[in-house]
PDB file of all heavy atoms in Angstrom:
ATOM      1  N   SER A   1      -9.481 -20.550  -3.233  1.00  0.00           N
ATOM      2  CA  SER A   1      -9.204 -22.009  -3.090  1.00  0.00           C
ATOM      3  C   SER A   1     -10.185 -22.797  -4.147  1.00  0.00           C
ATOM      4  O   SER A   1     -10.952 -22.138  -4.714  1.00  0.00           O
ATOM      5  CB  SER A   1      -9.504 -22.495  -1.656  1.00  0.00           C
ATOM      6  OG  SER A   1     -10.788 -22.110  -1.310  1.00  0.00           O
ATOM      7  N   ASN A   2     -10.027 -24.006  -4.248  1.00  0.00           N
ATOM      8  CA  ASN A   2     -10.768 -24.875  -5.182  1.00  0.00           C
ATOM      9  C   ASN A   2     -12.196 -24.960  -4.596  1.00  0.00           C
ATOM     10  O   ASN A   2     -12.448 -25.556  -3.658  1.00  0.00           O
ATOM     11  CB  ASN A   2     -10.184 -26.279  -5.361  1.00  0.00           C
ATOM     12  CG  ASN A   2     -10.874 -27.078  -6.349  1.00  0.00           C
ATOM     13  OD1 ASN A   2     -12.017 -26.829  -6.645  1.00  0.00           O
ATOM     14  ND2 ASN A   2     -10.206 -28.101  -6.842  1.00  0.00           N
ATOM     15  N   PRO A   3     -13.196 -24.367  -5.356  1.00  0.00           N
ATOM     16  CA  PRO A   3     -14.570 -24.415  -4.833  1.00  0.00           C
ATOM     17  C   PRO A   3     -15.130 -25.809  -4.699  1.00  0.00           C
ATOM     18  O   PRO A   3     -15.861 -26.015  -3.684  1.00  0.00           O
ATOM     19  CB  PRO A   3     -15.410 -23.729  -5.965  1.00  0.00           C
ATOM     20  CG  PRO A   3     -14.353 -22.907  -6.775  1.00  0.00           C
ATOM     21  CD  PRO A   3     -13.035 -23.632  -6.558  1.00  0.00           C
ATOM     22  N   ALA A   4     -14.650 -26.688  -5.415  1.00  0.00           N
ATOM     23  CA  ALA A   4     -15.137 -28.112  -5.256  1.00  0.00           C
ATOM     24  C   ALA A   4     -14.813 -28.750  -3.898  1.00  0.00           C
ATOM     25  O   ALA A   4     -15.517 -29.511  -3.377  1.00  0.00           O
ATOM     26  CB  ALA A   4     -14.450 -29.035  -6.383  1.00  0.00           C
ATOM     27  N   LEU A   5     -13.739 -28.237  -3.290  1.00  0.00           N
ATOM     28  CA  LEU A   5     -13.269 -28.696  -2.002  1.00  0.00           C
ATOM     29  C   LEU A   5     -13.851 -27.849  -0.901  1.00  0.00           C
ATOM     30  O   LEU A   5     -14.116 -28.383   0.199  1.00  0.00           O
ATOM     31  CB  LEU A   5     -11.780 -28.858  -1.831  1.00  0.00           C
ATOM     32  CG  LEU A   5     -11.134 -29.868  -2.816  1.00  0.00           C
ATOM     33  CD1 LEU A   5      -9.680 -29.763  -2.709  1.00  0.00           C
ATOM     34  CD2 LEU A   5     -11.552 -31.256  -2.527  1.00  0.00           C
ATOM     35  N   ALA A   6     -14.013 -26.541  -1.106  1.00  0.00           N
ATOM     36  CA  ALA A   6     -14.479 -25.674  -0.105  1.00  0.00           C
ATOM     37  C   ALA A   6     -16.014 -25.720   0.115  1.00  0.00           C
ATOM     38  O   ALA A   6     -16.447 -25.587   1.283  1.00  0.00           O
ATOM     39  CB  ALA A   6     -14.088 -24.215  -0.471  1.00  0.00           C
ATOM     40  N   ALA A   7     -16.702 -25.969  -0.885  1.00  0.00           N
ATOM     41  CA  ALA A   7     -18.168 -25.895  -0.808  1.00  0.00           C
ATOM     42  C   ALA A   7     -18.775 -26.875   0.259  1.00  0.00           C
ATOM     43  O   ALA A   7     -19.609 -26.477   1.034  1.00  0.00           O
ATOM     44  CB  ALA A   7     -18.849 -26.115  -2.158  1.00  0.00           C
ATOM     45  N   PRO A   8     -18.394 -28.156   0.291  1.00  0.00           N
ATOM     46  CA  PRO A   8     -18.961 -29.043   1.281  1.00  0.00           C
ATOM     47  C   PRO A   8     -18.776 -28.549   2.778  1.00  0.00           C
ATOM     48  O   PRO A   8     -19.605 -28.621   3.533  1.00  0.00           O
ATOM     49  CB  PRO A   8     -18.321 -30.391   0.957  1.00  0.00           C
ATOM     50  CG  PRO A   8     -17.883 -30.388  -0.451  1.00  0.00           C
ATOM     51  CD  PRO A   8     -17.510 -28.954  -0.637  1.00  0.00           C
ATOM     52  N   GLY A   9     -17.556 -28.116   3.010  1.00  0.00           N
ATOM     53  CA  GLY A   9     -17.227 -27.720   4.313  1.00  0.00           C
ATOM     54  C   GLY A   9     -18.049 -26.479   4.742  1.00  0.00           C
ATOM     55  O   GLY A   9     -18.538 -26.389   5.770  1.00  0.00           O
ATOM     56  N   LEU A  10     -18.151 -25.536   3.812  1.00  0.00           N
ATOM     57  CA  LEU A  10     -18.989 -24.327   4.060  1.00  0.00           C
ATOM     58  C   LEU A  10     -20.381 -24.744   4.260  1.00  0.00           C
ATOM     59  O   LEU A  10     -21.124 -24.213   5.087  1.00  0.00           O
ATOM     60  CB  LEU A  10     -18.740 -23.344   2.895  1.00  0.00           C
ATOM     61  CG  LEU A  10     -17.457 -22.563   2.979  1.00  0.00           C
ATOM     62  CD1 LEU A  10     -17.295 -21.771   1.620  1.00  0.00           C
ATOM     63  CD2 LEU A  10     -17.263 -21.632   4.153  1.00  0.00           C
ATOM     64  N   ALA A  11     -20.875 -25.598   3.412  1.00  0.00           N
ATOM     65  CA  ALA A  11     -22.284 -26.039   3.480  1.00  0.00           C
ATOM     66  C   ALA A  11     -22.618 -26.652   4.850  1.00  0.00           C
ATOM     67  O   ALA A  11     -23.676 -26.379   5.550  1.00  0.00           O
ATOM     68  CB  ALA A  11     -22.640 -26.923   2.416  1.00  0.00           C
ATOM     69  N   HIS A  12     -21.689 -27.492   5.374  1.00  0.00           N
ATOM     70  CA  HIS A  12     -21.875 -28.078   6.683  1.00  0.00           C
ATOM     71  C   HIS A  12     -21.924 -27.040   7.783  1.00  0.00           C
ATOM     72  O   HIS A  12     -22.782 -27.077   8.703  1.00  0.00           O
ATOM     73  CB  HIS A  12     -20.823 -29.127   6.970  1.00  0.00           C
ATOM     74  CG  HIS A  12     -21.107 -30.490   6.304  1.00  0.00           C
ATOM     75  ND1 HIS A  12     -22.046 -31.338   6.754  1.00  0.00           N
ATOM     76  CD2 HIS A  12     -20.621 -31.025   5.175  1.00  0.00           C
ATOM     77  CE1 HIS A  12     -22.142 -32.403   5.998  1.00  0.00           C
ATOM     78  NE2 HIS A  12     -21.193 -32.227   4.958  1.00  0.00           N
ATOM     79  N   MET A  13     -20.989 -26.070   7.663  1.00  0.00           N
ATOM     80  CA  MET A  13     -20.967 -24.966   8.660  1.00  0.00           C
ATOM     81  C   MET A  13     -22.294 -24.162   8.627  1.00  0.00           C
ATOM     82  O   MET A  13     -22.735 -23.811   9.674  1.00  0.00           O
ATOM     83  CB  MET A  13     -19.737 -24.127   8.438  1.00  0.00           C
ATOM     84  CG  MET A  13     -18.418 -24.737   8.823  1.00  0.00           C
ATOM     85  SD  MET A  13     -16.999 -23.800   8.377  1.00  0.00           S
ATOM     86  CE  MET A  13     -17.152 -22.519   9.677  1.00  0.00           C
ATOM     87  N   ILE A  14     -22.693 -23.820   7.421  1.00  0.00           N
ATOM     88  CA  ILE A  14     -23.992 -23.035   7.243  1.00  0.00           C
ATOM     89  C   ILE A  14     -25.148 -23.774   7.867  1.00  0.00           C
ATOM     90  O   ILE A  14     -25.949 -23.236   8.581  1.00  0.00           O
ATOM     91  CB  ILE A  14     -24.145 -22.733   5.768  1.00  0.00           C
ATOM     92  CG1 ILE A  14     -23.122 -21.735   5.331  1.00  0.00           C
ATOM     93  CG2 ILE A  14     -25.598 -22.235   5.498  1.00  0.00           C
ATOM     94  CD1 ILE A  14     -23.030 -21.562   3.745  1.00  0.00           C
ATOM     95  N   HIS A  15     -25.177 -25.104   7.568  1.00  0.00           N
ATOM     96  CA  HIS A  15     -26.384 -25.968   8.017  1.00  0.00           C
ATOM     97  C   HIS A  15     -26.227 -25.947   9.564  1.00  0.00           C
ATOM     98  O   HIS A  15     -27.358 -25.804  10.264  1.00  0.00           O
ATOM     99  CB  HIS A  15     -26.182 -27.285   7.428  1.00  0.00           C
ATOM    100  CG  HIS A  15     -27.361 -28.262   7.908  1.00  0.00           C
ATOM    101  ND1 HIS A  15     -28.628 -28.117   7.476  1.00  0.00           N
ATOM    102  CD2 HIS A  15     -27.318 -29.258   8.865  1.00  0.00           C
ATOM    103  CE1 HIS A  15     -29.414 -29.035   8.076  1.00  0.00           C
ATOM    104  NE2 HIS A  15     -28.556 -29.775   8.916  1.00  0.00           N
ATOM    105  N   ALA A  16     -25.106 -26.203  10.217  1.00  0.00           N
ATOM    106  CA  ALA A  16     -24.997 -26.245  11.688  1.00  0.00           C
ATOM    107  C   ALA A  16     -25.396 -24.923  12.263  1.00  0.00           C
ATOM    108  O   ALA A  16     -26.029 -24.856  13.279  1.00  0.00           O
ATOM    109  CB  ALA A  16     -23.656 -26.630  11.981  1.00  0.00           C
ATOM    110  N   ALA A  17     -24.994 -23.785  11.633  1.00  0.00           N
ATOM    111  CA  ALA A  17     -25.215 -22.411  12.167  1.00  0.00           C
ATOM    112  C   ALA A  17     -26.637 -22.106  12.274  1.00  0.00           C
ATOM    113  O   ALA A  17     -27.074 -21.207  13.042  1.00  0.00           O
ATOM    114  CB  ALA A  17     -24.466 -21.426  11.333  1.00  0.00           C
ATOM    115  N   ALA A  18     -27.431 -22.748  11.472  1.00  0.00           N
ATOM    116  CA  ALA A  18     -28.928 -22.499  11.569  1.00  0.00           C
ATOM    117  C   ALA A  18     -29.566 -22.876  12.908  1.00  0.00           C
ATOM    118  O   ALA A  18     -30.572 -22.372  13.240  1.00  0.00           O
ATOM    119  CB  ALA A  18     -29.693 -23.145  10.374  1.00  0.00           C
ATOM    120  N   SER A  19     -28.936 -23.788  13.558  1.00  0.00           N
ATOM    121  CA  SER A  19     -29.484 -24.343  14.794  1.00  0.00           C
ATOM    122  C   SER A  19     -28.526 -24.281  16.030  1.00  0.00           C
ATOM    123  O   SER A  19     -28.945 -24.565  17.141  1.00  0.00           O
ATOM    124  CB  SER A  19     -30.082 -25.686  14.620  1.00  0.00           C
ATOM    125  OG  SER A  19     -29.041 -26.535  14.253  1.00  0.00           O
ATOM    126  N   ASP A  20     -27.294 -23.995  15.713  1.00  0.00           N
ATOM    127  CA  ASP A  20     -26.275 -24.144  16.798  1.00  0.00           C
ATOM    128  C   ASP A  20     -25.551 -22.714  17.016  1.00  0.00           C
ATOM    129  O   ASP A  20     -24.873 -22.303  16.109  1.00  0.00           O
ATOM    130  CB  ASP A  20     -25.224 -25.184  16.474  1.00  0.00           C
ATOM    131  CG  ASP A  20     -24.188 -25.300  17.472  1.00  0.00           C
ATOM    132  OD1 ASP A  20     -24.075 -24.620  18.477  1.00  0.00           O
ATOM    133  OD2 ASP A  20     -23.355 -26.243  17.311  1.00  0.00           O
ATOM    134  N   PRO A  21     -25.797 -22.119  18.200  1.00  0.00           N
ATOM    135  CA  PRO A  21     -25.179 -20.817  18.327  1.00  0.00           C
ATOM    136  C   PRO A  21     -23.677 -20.820  18.293  1.00  0.00           C
ATOM    137  O   PRO A  21     -23.005 -19.865  17.807  1.00  0.00           O
ATOM    138  CB  PRO A  21     -25.639 -20.367  19.806  1.00  0.00           C
ATOM    139  CG  PRO A  21     -26.763 -21.338  20.149  1.00  0.00           C
ATOM    140  CD  PRO A  21     -26.654 -22.486  19.278  1.00  0.00           C
ATOM    141  N   GLN A  22     -23.038 -21.950  18.727  1.00  0.00           N
ATOM    142  CA  GLN A  22     -21.635 -21.994  18.625  1.00  0.00           C
ATOM    143  C   GLN A  22     -21.102 -22.011  17.173  1.00  0.00           C
ATOM    144  O   GLN A  22     -20.095 -21.338  16.813  1.00  0.00           O
ATOM    145  CB  GLN A  22     -21.091 -23.241  19.424  1.00  0.00           C
ATOM    146  CG  GLN A  22     -21.386 -23.147  20.939  1.00  0.00           C
ATOM    147  CD  GLN A  22     -20.660 -22.008  21.584  1.00  0.00           C
ATOM    148  OE1 GLN A  22     -19.536 -21.601  21.192  1.00  0.00           O
ATOM    149  NE2 GLN A  22     -21.275 -21.330  22.542  1.00  0.00           N
ATOM    150  N   ALA A  23     -21.776 -22.822  16.388  1.00  0.00           N
ATOM    151  CA  ALA A  23     -21.483 -22.847  14.957  1.00  0.00           C
ATOM    152  C   ALA A  23     -21.652 -21.485  14.363  1.00  0.00           C
ATOM    153  O   ALA A  23     -20.928 -21.029  13.425  1.00  0.00           O
ATOM    154  CB  ALA A  23     -22.368 -23.899  14.278  1.00  0.00           C
ATOM    155  N   LEU A  24     -22.724 -20.731  14.773  1.00  0.00           N
ATOM    156  CA  LEU A  24     -22.960 -19.400  14.203  1.00  0.00           C
ATOM    157  C   LEU A  24     -21.822 -18.487  14.595  1.00  0.00           C
ATOM    158  O   LEU A  24     -21.284 -17.681  13.708  1.00  0.00           O
ATOM    159  CB  LEU A  24     -24.328 -18.833  14.833  1.00  0.00           C
ATOM    160  CG  LEU A  24     -24.674 -17.468  14.281  1.00  0.00           C
ATOM    161  CD1 LEU A  24     -24.899 -17.527  12.805  1.00  0.00           C
ATOM    162  CD2 LEU A  24     -25.992 -17.170  14.952  1.00  0.00           C
ATOM    163  N   ILE A  25     -21.240 -18.643  15.777  1.00  0.00           N
ATOM    164  CA  ILE A  25     -20.112 -17.785  16.209  1.00  0.00           C
ATOM    165  C   ILE A  25     -18.942 -18.047  15.247  1.00  0.00           C
ATOM    166  O   ILE A  25     -18.185 -17.171  14.743  1.00  0.00           O
ATOM    167  CB  ILE A  25     -19.755 -17.985  17.565  1.00  0.00           C
ATOM    168  CG1 ILE A  25     -20.936 -17.322  18.504  1.00  0.00           C
ATOM    169  CG2 ILE A  25     -18.441 -17.431  17.998  1.00  0.00           C
ATOM    170  CD1 ILE A  25     -20.754 -17.761  19.919  1.00  0.00           C
ATOM    171  N   LEU A  26     -18.682 -19.352  15.010  1.00  0.00           N
ATOM    172  CA  LEU A  26     -17.561 -19.806  14.198  1.00  0.00           C
ATOM    173  C   LEU A  26     -17.642 -19.283  12.772  1.00  0.00           C
ATOM    174  O   LEU A  26     -16.736 -18.781  12.259  1.00  0.00           O
ATOM    175  CB  LEU A  26     -17.396 -21.372  14.295  1.00  0.00           C
ATOM    176  CG  LEU A  26     -16.135 -21.840  13.694  1.00  0.00           C
ATOM    177  CD1 LEU A  26     -14.912 -21.475  14.419  1.00  0.00           C
ATOM    178  CD2 LEU A  26     -16.206 -23.471  13.640  1.00  0.00           C
ATOM    179  N   ILE A  27     -18.874 -19.533  12.211  1.00  0.00           N
ATOM    180  CA  ILE A  27     -19.013 -18.994  10.821  1.00  0.00           C
ATOM    181  C   ILE A  27     -18.910 -17.460  10.711  1.00  0.00           C
ATOM    182  O   ILE A  27     -18.593 -16.900   9.741  1.00  0.00           O
ATOM    183  CB  ILE A  27     -20.224 -19.657  10.169  1.00  0.00           C
ATOM    184  CG1 ILE A  27     -20.044 -19.610   8.630  1.00  0.00           C
ATOM    185  CG2 ILE A  27     -21.474 -18.972  10.591  1.00  0.00           C
ATOM    186  CD1 ILE A  27     -20.983 -20.466   7.850  1.00  0.00           C
ATOM    187  N   SER A  28     -19.518 -16.836  11.756  1.00  0.00           N
ATOM    188  CA  SER A  28     -19.437 -15.337  11.771  1.00  0.00           C
ATOM    189  C   SER A  28     -17.966 -14.883  11.801  1.00  0.00           C
ATOM    190  O   SER A  28     -17.596 -13.913  11.057  1.00  0.00           O
ATOM    191  CB  SER A  28     -20.067 -14.796  13.008  1.00  0.00           C
ATOM    192  OG  SER A  28     -21.550 -15.078  12.841  1.00  0.00           O
ATOM    193  N   ASN A  29     -17.113 -15.475  12.573  1.00  0.00           N
ATOM    194  CA  ASN A  29     -15.673 -15.138  12.604  1.00  0.00           C
ATOM    195  C   ASN A  29     -15.055 -15.402  11.257  1.00  0.00           C
ATOM    196  O   ASN A  29     -14.290 -14.523  10.814  1.00  0.00           O
ATOM    197  CB  ASN A  29     -14.965 -15.958  13.723  1.00  0.00           C
ATOM    198  CG  ASN A  29     -15.343 -15.561  15.069  1.00  0.00           C
ATOM    199  OD1 ASN A  29     -15.748 -14.392  15.357  1.00  0.00           O
ATOM    200  ND2 ASN A  29     -15.076 -16.473  16.013  1.00  0.00           N
ATOM    201  N   MET A  30     -15.416 -16.490  10.645  1.00  0.00           N
ATOM    202  CA  MET A  30     -14.901 -16.782   9.372  1.00  0.00           C
ATOM    203  C   MET A  30     -15.336 -15.804   8.301  1.00  0.00           C
ATOM    204  O   MET A  30     -14.587 -15.330   7.487  1.00  0.00           O
ATOM    205  CB  MET A  30     -15.322 -18.223   8.905  1.00  0.00           C
ATOM    206  CG  MET A  30     -14.569 -18.728   7.662  1.00  0.00           C
ATOM    207  SD  MET A  30     -15.111 -20.354   7.457  1.00  0.00           S
ATOM    208  CE  MET A  30     -16.220 -20.228   6.065  1.00  0.00           C
ATOM    209  N   ALA A  31     -16.607 -15.429   8.348  1.00  0.00           N
ATOM    210  CA  ALA A  31     -17.172 -14.482   7.351  1.00  0.00           C
ATOM    211  C   ALA A  31     -16.538 -13.073   7.539  1.00  0.00           C
ATOM    212  O   ALA A  31     -16.296 -12.387   6.555  1.00  0.00           O
ATOM    213  CB  ALA A  31     -18.777 -14.328   7.552  1.00  0.00           C
ATOM    214  N   GLU A  32     -16.209 -12.686   8.790  1.00  0.00           N
ATOM    215  CA  GLU A  32     -15.541 -11.501   9.013  1.00  0.00           C
ATOM    216  C   GLU A  32     -14.139 -11.460   8.424  1.00  0.00           C
ATOM    217  O   GLU A  32     -13.845 -10.436   7.710  1.00  0.00           O
ATOM    218  CB  GLU A  32     -15.357 -11.274  10.511  1.00  0.00           C
ATOM    219  CG  GLU A  32     -14.734  -9.862  10.929  1.00  0.00           C
ATOM    220  CD  GLU A  32     -14.588  -9.636  12.359  1.00  0.00           C
ATOM    221  OE1 GLU A  32     -15.377 -10.266  13.131  1.00  0.00           O
ATOM    222  OE2 GLU A  32     -13.690  -8.979  12.767  1.00  0.00           O
ATOM    223  N   GLN A  33     -13.472 -12.569   8.401  1.00  0.00           N
ATOM    224  CA  GLN A  33     -12.166 -12.574   7.781  1.00  0.00           C
ATOM    225  C   GLN A  33     -12.367 -12.576   6.247  1.00  0.00           C
ATOM    226  O   GLN A  33     -11.560 -11.910   5.602  1.00  0.00           O
ATOM    227  CB  GLN A  33     -11.429 -13.886   8.253  1.00  0.00           C
ATOM    228  CG  GLN A  33     -11.046 -13.995   9.641  1.00  0.00           C
ATOM    229  CD  GLN A  33      -9.945 -12.926   9.930  1.00  0.00           C
ATOM    230  OE1 GLN A  33      -9.032 -12.677   9.204  1.00  0.00           O
ATOM    231  NE2 GLN A  33     -10.116 -12.216  11.056  1.00  0.00           N
ATOM    232  N   MET A  34     -13.304 -13.283   5.789  1.00  0.00           N
ATOM    233  CA  MET A  34     -13.561 -13.288   4.316  1.00  0.00           C
ATOM    234  C   MET A  34     -13.914 -11.898   3.866  1.00  0.00           C
ATOM    235  O   MET A  34     -13.500 -11.510   2.701  1.00  0.00           O
ATOM    236  CB  MET A  34     -14.715 -14.243   3.993  1.00  0.00           C
ATOM    237  CG  MET A  34     -14.336 -15.744   4.184  1.00  0.00           C
ATOM    238  SD  MET A  34     -15.732 -16.814   4.225  1.00  0.00           S
ATOM    239  CE  MET A  34     -16.434 -16.622   2.557  1.00  0.00           C
ATOM    240  N   SER A  35     -14.728 -11.170   4.613  1.00  0.00           N
ATOM    241  CA  SER A  35     -15.089  -9.742   4.134  1.00  0.00           C
ATOM    242  C   SER A  35     -13.929  -8.847   4.027  1.00  0.00           C
ATOM    243  O   SER A  35     -13.826  -7.977   3.199  1.00  0.00           O
ATOM    244  CB  SER A  35     -16.183  -9.252   5.083  1.00  0.00           C
ATOM    245  OG  SER A  35     -15.687  -8.965   6.340  1.00  0.00           O
ATOM    246  N   LYS A  36     -12.923  -9.121   4.838  1.00  0.00           N
ATOM    247  CA  LYS A  36     -11.675  -8.260   4.877  1.00  0.00           C
ATOM    248  C   LYS A  36     -10.839  -8.490   3.617  1.00  0.00           C
ATOM    249  O   LYS A  36     -10.058  -7.717   3.197  1.00  0.00           O
ATOM    250  CB  LYS A  36     -10.841  -8.532   6.070  1.00  0.00           C
ATOM    251  CG  LYS A  36     -11.445  -7.961   7.330  1.00  0.00           C
ATOM    252  CD  LYS A  36     -10.594  -8.345   8.573  1.00  0.00           C
ATOM    253  CE  LYS A  36     -11.319  -7.846   9.865  1.00  0.00           C
ATOM    254  NZ  LYS A  36     -10.543  -8.227  11.050  1.00  0.00           N
ATOM    255  N   ALA A  37     -11.051  -9.687   3.016  1.00  0.00           N
ATOM    256  CA  ALA A  37     -10.299 -10.108   1.847  1.00  0.00           C
ATOM    257  C   ALA A  37     -10.760  -9.348   0.527  1.00  0.00           C
ATOM    258  O   ALA A  37     -10.040  -9.210  -0.383  1.00  0.00           O
ATOM    259  CB  ALA A  37     -10.358 -11.598   1.601  1.00  0.00           C
ATOM    260  N   GLY A  38     -12.039  -8.875   0.628  1.00  0.00           N
ATOM    261  CA  GLY A  38     -12.491  -8.166  -0.570  1.00  0.00           C
ATOM    262  C   GLY A  38     -12.892  -9.068  -1.670  1.00  0.00           C
ATOM    263  O   GLY A  38     -12.923 -10.280  -1.557  1.00  0.00           O
ATOM    264  N   GLY A  39     -13.430  -8.451  -2.762  1.00  0.00           N
ATOM    265  CA  GLY A  39     -13.822  -9.262  -3.970  1.00  0.00           C
ATOM    266  C   GLY A  39     -14.844 -10.276  -3.686  1.00  0.00           C
ATOM    267  O   GLY A  39     -15.817  -9.966  -2.897  1.00  0.00           O
TER     268      GLY A  39
END
């Protein structure tokens, strides 16, 4: 996807995950899917 559009959303999720366990779960699920994509 276009990094210019993806970066702000990911940054907000990363920032929230540092202090919010629910955000951490959400970004963990997302990272798991991303890792399956490879590259």
